[in-house]
Amino acid sequence: MERYFDVLRLAHDAVGRVLRDLAEARGDGLCAVDATVGNGHDTLFLAQAVGPRGRVYGFDVQERAIKATQNCCGEAGVGDRVTLLHAGHERMAELLPDDVTAAAVMFNLGYLPGADKSVVTQPATTIAALDAALSLLAPGGVISITAYTAHPGGSEETEAVRHWCAGLNHPLFKAMEYGMANCPEAKRLFLVGRFHG
């Protein structure tokens, strides 16, 4: 039962399902983006989900995160599917190849666990990255955003993400928010799906 109350697991469940559905409909070789690689857990998940012919692009501003993700994916035998970019996620559209269409884009906002907590994602660059992700998203694709409210600036960033989601063109995009109603400081999950065109 605990899995249904863990937004990180919900994110993996939702993104994994979308990737499976798209692979069944379009074949393998899907592309995904990890906008905040951190310690590499989401990057590894995506690399395993897109399969041997797929490609994952990952972004992070911290060299430590890039190295941790290289190690994580390399040890799991999927490093050849992953391209890591030591850059902010707001540069996604600029740095990715022109022909990239993403089946999934994952964001895990906040700070790198075990690292300098003053290096955190910021509302302005996160919204710029979300705009870029939206422009890359394939029909049937999904963006997942895990946002944290407990650290300084986290509530403001979460509210910025909520506002961004609320402004999306419906029915082209559908946005959902998940979180604990009786624990407002708990992390939130936002899922954005592209449904037409």
Protein backbone atom coordinates (compact mmCIF):
# COMPACT_ATOMS: atom_id res chain seq x y z
CA MET A 1 0.00 0.00 0.00
CA GLU A 2 2.91 2.36 0.72
CA ARG A 3 3.76 2.56 -3.00
CA TYR A 4 0.52 4.45 -3.68
CA PHE A 5 1.53 7.19 -1.25
CA ASP A 6 5.06 7.71 -2.60
CA VAL A 7 5.01 10.30 -5.39
CA LEU A 8 8.42 9.19 -6.72
CA ARG A 9 7.07 5.69 -7.26
CA LEU A 10 3.89 7.11 -8.77
CA ALA A 11 6.05 9.12 -11.19
CA HIS A 12 7.93 5.99 -12.24
CA ASP A 13 4.68 4.02 -12.57
CA ALA A 14 3.07 6.70 -14.76
CA VAL A 15 6.12 7.39 -16.93
CA GLY A 16 6.87 3.68 -17.27
CA ARG A 17 3.32 3.00 -18.43
CA VAL A 18 3.46 5.80 -21.01
CA LEU A 19 6.79 4.51 -22.36
CA ARG A 20 5.44 0.95 -22.61
CA ASP A 21 2.32 2.16 -24.42
CA LEU A 22 4.33 4.29 -26.86
CA ALA A 23 6.79 1.44 -27.50
CA GLU A 24 3.87 -0.89 -28.31
CA ALA A 25 2.33 1.69 -30.65
CA ARG A 26 5.49 3.01 -32.32
CA GLY A 27 8.19 0.45 -31.68
CA ASP A 28 11.32 0.79 -29.62
CA GLY A 29 13.91 3.50 -30.00
CA LEU A 30 12.11 6.07 -27.86
CA CYS A 31 13.81 9.16 -26.50
CA ALA A 32 13.46 10.48 -22.94
CA VAL A 33 14.96 13.35 -20.97
CA ASP A 34 15.97 13.56 -17.31
CA ALA A 35 16.00 17.29 -16.67
CA THR A 36 17.67 16.94 -13.24
CA VAL A 37 19.86 13.83 -13.09
CA GLY A 38 20.85 14.10 -9.42
CA ASN A 39 22.20 10.75 -8.27
CA GLY A 40 21.05 9.03 -11.46
CA HIS A 41 18.02 7.07 -10.28
CA ASP A 42 15.53 8.59 -12.73
CA THR A 43 18.11 8.48 -15.54
CA LEU A 44 18.67 4.77 -14.91
CA PHE A 45 14.93 4.15 -14.79
CA LEU A 46 14.47 5.94 -18.13
CA ALA A 47 17.44 4.17 -19.75
CA GLN A 48 16.01 0.80 -18.78
CA ALA A 49 12.52 1.82 -19.92
CA VAL A 50 13.51 3.06 -23.40
CA GLY A 51 15.37 -0.17 -24.14
CA PRO A 52 18.56 -0.89 -26.07
CA ARG A 53 17.59 1.21 -29.11
CA GLY A 54 16.39 4.15 -27.03
CA ARG A 55 18.23 7.28 -25.94
CA VAL A 56 18.14 9.29 -22.72
CA TYR A 57 19.50 12.82 -22.38
CA GLY A 58 20.25 14.05 -18.88
CA PHE A 59 20.97 17.52 -17.52
CA ASP A 60 22.52 18.76 -14.30
CA VAL A 61 24.49 21.83 -13.23
CA GLN A 62 26.61 19.86 -10.75
CA GLU A 63 29.61 17.82 -11.92
CA ARG A 64 29.08 15.53 -8.93
CA ALA A 65 25.62 14.64 -10.24
CA ILE A 66 26.93 13.94 -13.74
CA LYS A 67 29.62 11.61 -12.37
CA ALA A 68 27.18 9.82 -10.04
CA THR A 69 24.78 9.28 -12.93
CA GLN A 70 27.55 8.00 -15.23
CA ASN A 71 28.52 5.49 -12.55
CA CYS A 72 24.93 4.47 -11.83
CA CYS A 73 24.05 3.86 -15.48
CA GLY A 74 27.43 2.34 -16.33
CA GLU A 75 27.23 -0.20 -13.50
CA ALA A 76 23.74 -1.18 -14.67
CA GLY A 77 24.98 -1.73 -18.23
CA VAL A 78 22.91 1.02 -19.84
CA GLY A 79 25.50 3.80 -20.04
CA ASP A 80 25.64 3.55 -23.84
CA ARG A 81 22.00 4.76 -24.03
CA VAL A 82 22.65 7.88 -21.98
CA THR A 83 24.04 11.27 -23.01
CA LEU A 84 24.74 13.56 -20.06
CA LEU A 85 25.01 17.32 -20.37
CA HIS A 86 26.70 19.37 -17.65
CA ALA A 87 24.26 22.27 -18.07
CA GLY A 88 21.10 23.72 -16.63
CA HIS A 89 17.84 22.18 -17.77
CA GLU A 90 16.68 25.58 -19.07
CA ARG A 91 19.14 25.00 -21.97
CA MET A 92 17.35 21.82 -23.04
CA ALA A 93 15.99 23.10 -26.36
CA GLU A 94 19.34 24.72 -27.21
CA LEU A 95 21.51 21.68 -26.46
CA LEU A 96 19.44 18.73 -27.67
CA PRO A 97 19.66 17.63 -31.31
CA ASP A 98 17.02 19.26 -33.52
CA ASP A 99 15.34 15.93 -34.31
CA VAL A 100 14.68 14.96 -30.67
CA THR A 101 11.08 14.25 -29.77
CA ALA A 102 10.70 13.13 -26.17
CA ALA A 103 8.31 10.40 -25.09
CA ALA A 104 8.95 11.42 -21.48
CA VAL A 105 10.66 14.22 -19.59
CA MET A 106 11.27 13.86 -15.85
CA PHE A 107 12.01 16.66 -13.38
CA ASN A 108 12.97 16.06 -9.75
CA LEU A 109 13.31 19.56 -8.35
CA GLY A 110 15.09 20.89 -5.27
CA TYR A 111 18.66 20.02 -4.35
CA LEU A 112 21.01 17.08 -4.81
CA PRO A 113 20.75 14.84 -1.73
CA GLY A 114 24.02 14.82 0.21
CA ALA A 115 25.37 17.89 -1.60
CA ASP A 116 25.35 21.65 -1.11
CA LYS A 117 21.74 22.56 -0.26
CA SER A 118 22.27 26.11 -1.50
CA VAL A 119 22.43 24.77 -5.07
CA VAL A 120 18.73 24.33 -5.82
CA THR A 121 16.47 24.52 -8.81
CA GLN A 122 14.89 27.95 -9.27
CA PRO A 123 11.39 28.88 -10.45
CA ALA A 124 12.53 30.95 -13.46
CA THR A 125 14.87 28.33 -14.90
CA THR A 126 12.47 25.50 -14.08
CA ILE A 127 9.62 27.22 -15.96
CA ALA A 128 11.95 27.87 -18.92
CA ALA A 129 12.88 24.17 -18.87
CA LEU A 130 9.23 23.12 -18.68
CA ASP A 131 8.46 25.30 -21.71
CA ALA A 132 11.32 23.60 -23.57
CA ALA A 133 10.13 20.15 -22.49
CA LEU A 134 6.63 20.92 -23.71
CA SER A 135 7.97 21.89 -27.14
CA LEU A 136 9.85 18.55 -27.37
CA LEU A 137 7.03 16.33 -26.11
CA ALA A 138 5.71 13.69 -28.49
CA PRO A 139 1.97 13.13 -28.85
CA GLY A 140 1.08 10.62 -26.14
CA GLY A 141 4.14 11.66 -24.14
CA VAL A 142 4.36 12.73 -20.51
CA ILE A 143 6.23 15.22 -18.33
CA SER A 144 6.59 14.37 -14.65
CA ILE A 145 7.60 17.01 -12.12
CA THR A 146 8.37 16.12 -8.52
CA ALA A 147 8.45 19.30 -6.46
CA TYR A 148 9.44 19.83 -2.83
CA THR A 149 8.10 22.49 -0.49
CA ALA A 150 10.16 21.98 2.69
CA HIS A 151 13.42 23.68 1.65
CA PRO A 152 13.83 27.48 1.29
CA GLY A 153 12.29 28.52 -2.02
CA GLY A 154 10.60 25.15 -2.53
CA SER A 155 7.06 26.40 -1.89
CA GLU A 156 7.53 29.22 -4.38
CA GLU A 157 8.87 26.86 -7.02
CA THR A 158 6.02 24.41 -6.43
CA GLU A 159 3.51 27.23 -6.81
CA ALA A 160 5.21 28.36 -10.04
CA VAL A 161 4.92 24.81 -11.42
CA ARG A 162 1.26 24.65 -10.36
CA HIS A 163 0.58 27.97 -12.11
CA TRP A 164 2.41 26.78 -15.25
CA CYS A 165 0.35 23.57 -15.33
CA ALA A 166 -2.90 25.49 -14.87
CA GLY A 167 -2.11 27.64 -17.91
CA LEU A 168 -1.61 24.76 -20.36
CA ASN A 169 -3.86 24.49 -23.41
CA HIS A 170 -6.64 21.99 -22.66
CA PRO A 171 -7.47 19.57 -24.32
CA LEU A 172 -4.08 19.44 -26.09
CA PHE A 173 -2.42 18.98 -22.69
CA LYS A 174 -3.84 17.56 -19.48
CA ALA A 175 -2.22 18.23 -16.12
CA MET A 176 -2.73 16.43 -12.81
CA GLU A 177 -1.36 17.12 -9.33
CA TYR A 178 -0.78 14.48 -6.68
CA GLY A 179 0.17 14.99 -3.06
CA MET A 180 -0.85 14.30 0.50
CA ALA A 181 -3.88 16.39 1.45
CA ASN A 182 -3.12 16.07 5.16
CA CYS A 183 0.59 16.93 4.85
CA PRO A 184 0.96 20.18 2.89
CA GLU A 185 4.77 20.24 3.23
CA ALA A 186 5.10 16.84 1.51
CA LYS A 187 6.46 16.62 -2.02
CA ARG A 188 4.06 17.02 -4.93
CA LEU A 189 3.88 15.24 -8.25
CA PHE A 190 2.63 16.97 -11.38
CA LEU A 191 1.97 14.93 -14.52
CA VAL A 192 1.42 16.60 -17.89
CA GLY A 193 0.30 14.56 -20.87
CA ARG A 194 0.11 15.57 -24.52
CA PHE A 195 -3.06 14.15 -26.02
CA HIS A 196 -3.46 15.44 -29.60
CA GLY A 197 -1.42 16.65 -32.54
